[in-house]
Amino acid sequence: MTDADVLSRARVATRLPAGDLERARRFYAEKLGLNPADERPGGLLYRCAGAEFVVFRSTGSSPGTFTQMAFEVDDLAAAVTELRRRGVVFADVDVPGLRTRDGIAEVEGNYPSKGARGERGAWFRDSEGNLLGIGQPVF
């Protein structure tokens, strides 16, 4: 491995701050259907399809003004419907070039390596104010 390869082969793992770790645990379990795969004092480790993220106790917080983490799903409409049934509230977005309709935005273009012509997306906040997204490539 060369110095240039040091991060290109690394796994990426998101970290999300939580002011109240037990409240966050309940949100992720009850609203998203996710339970920690592991935990330690001050942190909950979640695994989803080979990726992982941690929700950790923090005195700091995110401003919630940008997507901090996103899930990619095969059927966005079904995911949004199920999460709404569980009480997740989706954000309304209306900015130049991006507008949600019934909680879902059509995003033009995508990264060529993904082989998709676009993407559909939806956003919501967790119990700690972190802005999370759900996306579905459009082929």
N, C-alpha and C. Protein backbone atom coordinates (compact mmCIF):
# COMPACT_ATOMS: atom_id res chain seq x y z
N MET A 1 0.86 -1.18 0.00
CA MET A 1 0.00 0.00 0.00
C MET A 1 0.90 1.24 0.00
N THR A 2 0.57 2.15 -0.88
CA THR A 2 1.32 3.41 -0.93
C THR A 2 0.61 4.44 -0.06
N ASP A 3 1.29 5.53 0.18
CA ASP A 3 0.68 6.61 0.96
C ASP A 3 -0.61 7.11 0.31
N ALA A 4 -0.67 7.07 -1.02
CA ALA A 4 -1.86 7.55 -1.73
C ALA A 4 -3.06 6.63 -1.50
N ASP A 5 -2.81 5.35 -1.17
CA ASP A 5 -3.89 4.38 -0.98
C ASP A 5 -4.44 4.35 0.44
N VAL A 6 -3.88 5.09 1.32
CA VAL A 6 -4.20 4.95 2.74
C VAL A 6 -5.70 5.07 3.04
N LEU A 7 -6.42 5.94 2.37
CA LEU A 7 -7.85 6.06 2.61
C LEU A 7 -8.72 5.46 1.51
N SER A 8 -8.17 5.24 0.32
CA SER A 8 -8.98 4.73 -0.77
C SER A 8 -9.50 3.32 -0.49
N ARG A 9 -8.88 2.60 0.39
CA ARG A 9 -9.33 1.25 0.74
C ARG A 9 -10.01 1.20 2.10
N ALA A 10 -10.17 2.34 2.71
CA ALA A 10 -10.79 2.39 4.04
C ALA A 10 -12.30 2.23 3.94
N ARG A 11 -12.90 1.72 4.97
CA ARG A 11 -14.36 1.68 5.08
C ARG A 11 -14.80 3.02 5.67
N VAL A 12 -15.96 3.49 5.26
CA VAL A 12 -16.49 4.76 5.76
C VAL A 12 -17.59 4.45 6.76
N ALA A 13 -17.55 5.13 7.89
CA ALA A 13 -18.57 4.92 8.92
C ALA A 13 -19.01 6.29 9.44
N THR A 14 -20.29 6.55 9.36
CA THR A 14 -20.86 7.83 9.79
C THR A 14 -20.97 7.88 11.31
N ARG A 15 -20.83 9.08 11.86
CA ARG A 15 -21.03 9.33 13.29
C ARG A 15 -22.08 10.42 13.43
N LEU A 16 -23.13 10.14 14.20
CA LEU A 16 -24.22 11.09 14.42
C LEU A 16 -24.31 11.44 15.90
N PRO A 17 -24.31 12.73 16.23
CA PRO A 17 -24.38 13.12 17.65
C PRO A 17 -25.79 12.98 18.22
N ALA A 18 -25.85 12.67 19.52
CA ALA A 18 -27.13 12.57 20.22
C ALA A 18 -27.01 13.23 21.58
N GLY A 19 -27.90 14.15 21.86
CA GLY A 19 -27.95 14.76 23.18
C GLY A 19 -28.48 13.79 24.22
N ASP A 20 -29.37 12.91 23.80
CA ASP A 20 -29.98 11.91 24.69
C ASP A 20 -29.92 10.56 23.97
N LEU A 21 -28.97 9.74 24.38
CA LEU A 21 -28.72 8.48 23.69
C LEU A 21 -29.89 7.51 23.81
N GLU A 22 -30.56 7.47 24.93
CA GLU A 22 -31.71 6.57 25.08
C GLU A 22 -32.89 7.02 24.22
N ARG A 23 -33.09 8.31 24.12
CA ARG A 23 -34.15 8.83 23.23
C ARG A 23 -33.82 8.44 21.78
N ALA A 24 -32.55 8.59 21.40
CA ALA A 24 -32.13 8.22 20.04
C ALA A 24 -32.33 6.73 19.81
N ARG A 25 -31.96 5.89 20.80
CA ARG A 25 -32.15 4.44 20.67
C ARG A 25 -33.62 4.12 20.40
N ARG A 26 -34.52 4.74 21.15
CA ARG A 26 -35.95 4.50 20.95
C ARG A 26 -36.40 4.94 19.56
N PHE A 27 -35.94 6.11 19.10
CA PHE A 27 -36.31 6.59 17.77
C PHE A 27 -35.87 5.60 16.70
N TYR A 28 -34.60 5.21 16.74
CA TYR A 28 -34.08 4.31 15.71
C TYR A 28 -34.79 2.96 15.74
N ALA A 29 -35.18 2.48 16.91
CA ALA A 29 -35.89 1.20 17.02
C ALA A 29 -37.34 1.35 16.59
N GLU A 30 -38.05 2.30 17.18
CA GLU A 30 -39.49 2.42 16.96
C GLU A 30 -39.83 3.01 15.60
N LYS A 31 -39.09 4.01 15.16
CA LYS A 31 -39.42 4.69 13.90
C LYS A 31 -38.73 4.08 12.68
N LEU A 32 -37.47 3.65 12.85
CA LEU A 32 -36.72 3.15 11.69
C LEU A 32 -36.59 1.63 11.68
N GLY A 33 -36.96 0.97 12.79
CA GLY A 33 -36.85 -0.48 12.84
C GLY A 33 -35.43 -0.98 12.96
N LEU A 34 -34.54 -0.14 13.50
CA LEU A 34 -33.13 -0.50 13.63
C LEU A 34 -32.76 -0.64 15.10
N ASN A 35 -32.03 -1.69 15.42
CA ASN A 35 -31.53 -1.90 16.77
C ASN A 35 -30.01 -1.98 16.71
N PRO A 36 -29.34 -1.51 17.76
CA PRO A 36 -27.88 -1.55 17.73
C PRO A 36 -27.35 -2.97 17.55
N ALA A 37 -26.33 -3.11 16.73
CA ALA A 37 -25.63 -4.38 16.56
C ALA A 37 -24.64 -4.56 17.70
N ASP A 38 -24.23 -3.43 18.27
CA ASP A 38 -23.26 -3.44 19.36
C ASP A 38 -23.37 -2.10 20.08
N GLU A 39 -22.86 -2.04 21.28
CA GLU A 39 -22.86 -0.77 21.99
C GLU A 39 -21.72 -0.74 22.99
N ARG A 40 -21.41 0.47 23.39
CA ARG A 40 -20.43 0.72 24.45
C ARG A 40 -20.91 1.96 25.20
N PRO A 41 -20.34 2.26 26.34
CA PRO A 41 -20.79 3.46 27.05
C PRO A 41 -20.69 4.68 26.14
N GLY A 42 -21.81 5.34 25.93
CA GLY A 42 -21.82 6.55 25.12
C GLY A 42 -21.98 6.36 23.64
N GLY A 43 -22.17 5.12 23.18
CA GLY A 43 -22.29 4.91 21.74
C GLY A 43 -23.09 3.69 21.36
N LEU A 44 -23.84 3.81 20.26
CA LEU A 44 -24.62 2.72 19.70
C LEU A 44 -24.17 2.49 18.27
N LEU A 45 -23.78 1.26 17.95
CA LEU A 45 -23.31 0.90 16.62
C LEU A 45 -24.43 0.19 15.87
N TYR A 46 -24.77 0.72 14.68
CA TYR A 46 -25.80 0.14 13.83
C TYR A 46 -25.14 -0.37 12.56
N ARG A 47 -25.66 -1.49 12.03
CA ARG A 47 -25.17 -2.03 10.77
C ARG A 47 -26.34 -2.19 9.81
N CYS A 48 -26.13 -1.76 8.58
CA CYS A 48 -27.14 -1.87 7.51
C CYS A 48 -26.43 -2.33 6.24
N ALA A 49 -26.73 -3.52 5.77
CA ALA A 49 -26.23 -4.03 4.48
C ALA A 49 -24.75 -3.77 4.26
N GLY A 50 -23.93 -4.11 5.22
CA GLY A 50 -22.49 -4.00 5.06
C GLY A 50 -21.89 -2.66 5.43
N ALA A 51 -22.72 -1.68 5.73
CA ALA A 51 -22.22 -0.37 6.17
C ALA A 51 -22.57 -0.22 7.65
N GLU A 52 -21.95 0.74 8.29
CA GLU A 52 -22.28 0.96 9.69
C GLU A 52 -22.27 2.45 10.02
N PHE A 53 -23.00 2.77 11.07
CA PHE A 53 -22.99 4.12 11.60
C PHE A 53 -23.12 4.06 13.11
N VAL A 54 -22.67 5.10 13.75
CA VAL A 54 -22.70 5.19 15.20
C VAL A 54 -23.49 6.41 15.60
N VAL A 55 -24.34 6.25 16.60
CA VAL A 55 -25.01 7.36 17.26
C VAL A 55 -24.31 7.47 18.61
N PHE A 56 -23.74 8.64 18.89
CA PHE A 56 -22.94 8.78 20.12
C PHE A 56 -23.43 9.94 20.97
N ARG A 57 -23.28 9.78 22.28
CA ARG A 57 -23.65 10.84 23.21
C ARG A 57 -22.72 12.02 23.01
N SER A 58 -23.32 13.21 22.86
CA SER A 58 -22.52 14.40 22.59
C SER A 58 -23.18 15.61 23.21
N THR A 59 -22.36 16.54 23.66
CA THR A 59 -22.90 17.80 24.14
C THR A 59 -23.08 18.77 22.98
N GLY A 60 -22.49 18.45 21.84
CA GLY A 60 -22.66 19.25 20.63
C GLY A 60 -23.83 18.71 19.82
N SER A 61 -24.21 19.44 18.80
CA SER A 61 -25.28 18.97 17.94
C SER A 61 -25.07 19.49 16.53
N SER A 62 -25.70 18.81 15.60
CA SER A 62 -25.65 19.25 14.21
C SER A 62 -26.71 20.33 14.02
N PRO A 63 -26.47 21.28 13.12
CA PRO A 63 -27.51 22.27 12.86
C PRO A 63 -28.70 21.68 12.11
N GLY A 64 -28.54 20.47 11.55
CA GLY A 64 -29.63 19.84 10.83
C GLY A 64 -29.99 20.54 9.53
N THR A 65 -29.03 21.26 8.96
CA THR A 65 -29.29 22.01 7.73
C THR A 65 -28.75 21.31 6.48
N PHE A 66 -28.18 20.14 6.65
CA PHE A 66 -27.64 19.39 5.52
C PHE A 66 -27.80 17.90 5.81
N THR A 67 -27.81 17.11 4.77
CA THR A 67 -27.94 15.67 4.94
C THR A 67 -26.66 15.12 5.55
N GLN A 68 -26.80 14.48 6.70
CA GLN A 68 -25.64 13.93 7.39
C GLN A 68 -25.40 12.47 7.04
N MET A 69 -26.46 11.77 6.68
CA MET A 69 -26.35 10.37 6.32
C MET A 69 -27.57 10.04 5.47
N ALA A 70 -27.40 9.11 4.54
CA ALA A 70 -28.53 8.71 3.70
C ALA A 70 -28.55 7.19 3.54
N PHE A 71 -29.75 6.68 3.42
CA PHE A 71 -29.98 5.28 3.14
C PHE A 71 -30.38 5.20 1.67
N GLU A 72 -29.88 4.19 0.95
CA GLU A 72 -30.30 3.98 -0.44
C GLU A 72 -31.19 2.75 -0.47
N VAL A 73 -32.40 2.92 -1.00
CA VAL A 73 -33.39 1.85 -1.01
C VAL A 73 -33.81 1.52 -2.43
N ASP A 74 -34.46 0.37 -2.60
CA ASP A 74 -34.94 -0.05 -3.91
C ASP A 74 -36.30 0.56 -4.25
N ASP A 75 -37.10 0.88 -3.23
CA ASP A 75 -38.44 1.40 -3.46
C ASP A 75 -38.70 2.54 -2.47
N LEU A 76 -38.42 3.75 -2.92
CA LEU A 76 -38.54 4.91 -2.04
C LEU A 76 -39.97 5.14 -1.57
N ALA A 77 -40.93 5.02 -2.47
CA ALA A 77 -42.32 5.27 -2.09
C ALA A 77 -42.76 4.31 -0.98
N ALA A 78 -42.39 3.05 -1.09
CA ALA A 78 -42.75 2.07 -0.06
C ALA A 78 -42.05 2.39 1.26
N ALA A 79 -40.78 2.79 1.20
CA ALA A 79 -40.04 3.14 2.42
C ALA A 79 -40.67 4.35 3.10
N VAL A 80 -41.00 5.37 2.33
CA VAL A 80 -41.62 6.58 2.90
C VAL A 80 -42.98 6.23 3.51
N THR A 81 -43.76 5.44 2.82
CA THR A 81 -45.08 5.04 3.34
C THR A 81 -44.94 4.31 4.67
N GLU A 82 -44.02 3.35 4.75
CA GLU A 82 -43.84 2.58 5.98
C GLU A 82 -43.30 3.46 7.11
N LEU A 83 -42.33 4.30 6.81
CA LEU A 83 -41.78 5.17 7.86
C LEU A 83 -42.83 6.17 8.35
N ARG A 84 -43.63 6.68 7.46
CA ARG A 84 -44.74 7.57 7.89
C ARG A 84 -45.70 6.82 8.81
N ARG A 85 -45.99 5.58 8.48
CA ARG A 85 -46.88 4.77 9.30
C ARG A 85 -46.32 4.65 10.73
N ARG A 86 -44.99 4.64 10.84
CA ARG A 86 -44.33 4.54 12.14
C ARG A 86 -44.18 5.89 12.83
N GLY A 87 -44.60 6.97 12.14
CA GLY A 87 -44.56 8.29 12.76
C GLY A 87 -43.42 9.20 12.33
N VAL A 88 -42.64 8.79 11.33
CA VAL A 88 -41.57 9.65 10.82
C VAL A 88 -42.20 10.79 10.02
N VAL A 89 -41.73 12.01 10.26
CA VAL A 89 -42.22 13.19 9.57
C VAL A 89 -41.18 13.61 8.53
N PHE A 90 -41.60 13.67 7.28
CA PHE A 90 -40.69 14.02 6.20
C PHE A 90 -40.68 15.52 5.97
N ALA A 91 -39.51 16.03 5.63
CA ALA A 91 -39.32 17.47 5.42
C ALA A 91 -39.86 17.89 4.07
N ASP A 92 -40.43 19.08 4.03
CA ASP A 92 -40.81 19.70 2.76
C ASP A 92 -39.62 20.53 2.31
N VAL A 93 -39.21 20.33 1.08
CA VAL A 93 -38.07 21.06 0.53
C VAL A 93 -38.56 21.84 -0.68
N ASP A 94 -38.22 23.12 -0.72
CA ASP A 94 -38.58 23.96 -1.86
C ASP A 94 -37.47 24.98 -2.04
N VAL A 95 -36.43 24.58 -2.74
CA VAL A 95 -35.30 25.44 -3.05
C VAL A 95 -35.07 25.36 -4.56
N PRO A 96 -34.37 26.33 -5.14
CA PRO A 96 -34.14 26.25 -6.59
C PRO A 96 -33.54 24.90 -7.00
N GLY A 97 -34.22 24.23 -7.91
CA GLY A 97 -33.75 22.96 -8.44
C GLY A 97 -34.16 21.74 -7.63
N LEU A 98 -34.85 21.93 -6.50
CA LEU A 98 -35.24 20.79 -5.67
C LEU A 98 -36.53 21.10 -4.92
N ARG A 99 -37.55 20.33 -5.22
CA ARG A 99 -38.84 20.52 -4.55
C ARG A 99 -39.45 19.15 -4.27
N THR A 100 -39.92 18.96 -3.04
CA THR A 100 -40.59 17.72 -2.72
C THR A 100 -42.08 17.83 -3.01
N ARG A 101 -42.64 16.71 -3.42
CA ARG A 101 -44.09 16.57 -3.58
C ARG A 101 -44.48 15.34 -2.80
N ASP A 102 -45.36 15.52 -1.83
CA ASP A 102 -45.74 14.45 -0.92
C ASP A 102 -44.49 13.83 -0.27
N GLY A 103 -43.52 14.70 0.03
CA GLY A 103 -42.32 14.27 0.75
C GLY A 103 -41.19 13.73 -0.10
N ILE A 104 -41.41 13.58 -1.41
CA ILE A 104 -40.40 12.98 -2.28
C ILE A 104 -39.99 13.96 -3.37
N ALA A 105 -38.69 14.08 -3.59
CA ALA A 105 -38.14 14.95 -4.63
C ALA A 105 -37.58 14.11 -5.77
N GLU A 106 -37.73 14.62 -6.98
CA GLU A 106 -37.11 14.03 -8.16
C GLU A 106 -35.82 14.81 -8.39
N VAL A 107 -34.69 14.13 -8.33
CA VAL A 107 -33.39 14.78 -8.48
C VAL A 107 -32.84 14.42 -9.85
N GLU A 108 -32.63 15.43 -10.69
CA GLU A 108 -32.12 15.17 -12.03
C GLU A 108 -30.63 14.85 -11.98
N GLY A 109 -30.24 13.92 -12.83
CA GLY A 109 -28.83 13.56 -12.93
C GLY A 109 -28.40 12.67 -11.78
N ASN A 110 -27.31 11.98 -12.00
CA ASN A 110 -26.71 11.15 -10.97
C ASN A 110 -25.26 10.93 -11.37
N TYR A 111 -24.52 10.32 -10.52
CA TYR A 111 -23.12 10.04 -10.81
C TYR A 111 -23.06 8.98 -11.90
N PRO A 112 -22.33 9.21 -12.99
CA PRO A 112 -22.29 8.25 -14.10
C PRO A 112 -21.91 6.84 -13.66
N SER A 113 -21.04 6.71 -12.67
CA SER A 113 -20.62 5.38 -12.23
C SER A 113 -21.76 4.59 -11.60
N LYS A 114 -22.83 5.27 -11.18
CA LYS A 114 -23.97 4.57 -10.59
C LYS A 114 -24.91 4.04 -11.66
N GLY A 115 -24.73 4.47 -12.90
CA GLY A 115 -25.53 3.95 -14.00
C GLY A 115 -26.98 4.37 -13.96
N ALA A 116 -27.29 5.40 -13.22
CA ALA A 116 -28.67 5.86 -13.10
C ALA A 116 -28.80 7.22 -13.76
N ARG A 117 -30.00 7.51 -14.24
CA ARG A 117 -30.21 8.81 -14.89
C ARG A 117 -30.64 9.88 -13.90
N GLY A 118 -31.02 9.48 -12.72
CA GLY A 118 -31.44 10.42 -11.70
C GLY A 118 -31.63 9.71 -10.38
N GLU A 119 -32.27 10.42 -9.47
CA GLU A 119 -32.49 9.86 -8.15
C GLU A 119 -33.76 10.48 -7.57
N ARG A 120 -34.43 9.74 -6.74
CA ARG A 120 -35.55 10.26 -5.97
C ARG A 120 -35.07 10.32 -4.53
N GLY A 121 -35.50 11.33 -3.79
CA GLY A 121 -35.03 11.47 -2.41
C GLY A 121 -36.09 12.00 -1.47
N ALA A 122 -35.90 11.71 -0.20
CA ALA A 122 -36.76 12.20 0.87
C ALA A 122 -35.89 12.41 2.10
N TRP A 123 -36.28 13.38 2.95
CA TRP A 123 -35.47 13.72 4.11
C TRP A 123 -36.32 13.83 5.36
N PHE A 124 -35.71 13.48 6.49
CA PHE A 124 -36.37 13.59 7.79
C PHE A 124 -35.31 13.79 8.86
N ARG A 125 -35.74 14.25 10.02
CA ARG A 125 -34.82 14.43 11.15
C ARG A 125 -35.04 13.33 12.17
N ASP A 126 -33.94 12.88 12.76
CA ASP A 126 -34.08 11.91 13.84
C ASP A 126 -34.44 12.65 15.13
N SER A 127 -34.53 11.94 16.23
CA SER A 127 -34.93 12.54 17.50
C SER A 127 -33.94 13.58 17.99
N GLU A 128 -32.73 13.58 17.45
CA GLU A 128 -31.67 14.49 17.90
C GLU A 128 -31.46 15.65 16.95
N GLY A 129 -32.28 15.76 15.91
CA GLY A 129 -32.18 16.86 14.97
C GLY A 129 -31.25 16.61 13.79
N ASN A 130 -30.66 15.41 13.70
CA ASN A 130 -29.81 15.07 12.56
C ASN A 130 -30.68 14.88 11.32
N LEU A 131 -30.26 15.49 10.20
CA LEU A 131 -31.02 15.37 8.96
C LEU A 131 -30.55 14.13 8.19
N LEU A 132 -31.47 13.19 7.98
CA LEU A 132 -31.18 11.94 7.30
C LEU A 132 -31.95 11.89 5.99
N GLY A 133 -31.39 11.22 5.02
CA GLY A 133 -32.04 11.11 3.72
C GLY A 133 -32.27 9.67 3.34
N ILE A 134 -33.19 9.50 2.41
CA ILE A 134 -33.41 8.20 1.79
C ILE A 134 -33.41 8.47 0.28
N GLY A 135 -32.67 7.67 -0.45
CA GLY A 135 -32.60 7.85 -1.89
C GLY A 135 -32.85 6.57 -2.65
N GLN A 136 -33.31 6.74 -3.90
CA GLN A 136 -33.50 5.61 -4.80
C GLN A 136 -33.02 6.02 -6.18
N PRO A 137 -32.02 5.33 -6.73
CA PRO A 137 -31.60 5.63 -8.09
C PRO A 137 -32.74 5.40 -9.08
N VAL A 138 -32.80 6.22 -10.12
CA VAL A 138 -33.80 6.07 -11.16
C VAL A 138 -33.07 5.66 -12.43
N PHE A 139 -33.44 4.51 -12.97
CA PHE A 139 -32.77 3.98 -14.16
C PHE A 139 -33.59 4.22 -15.39
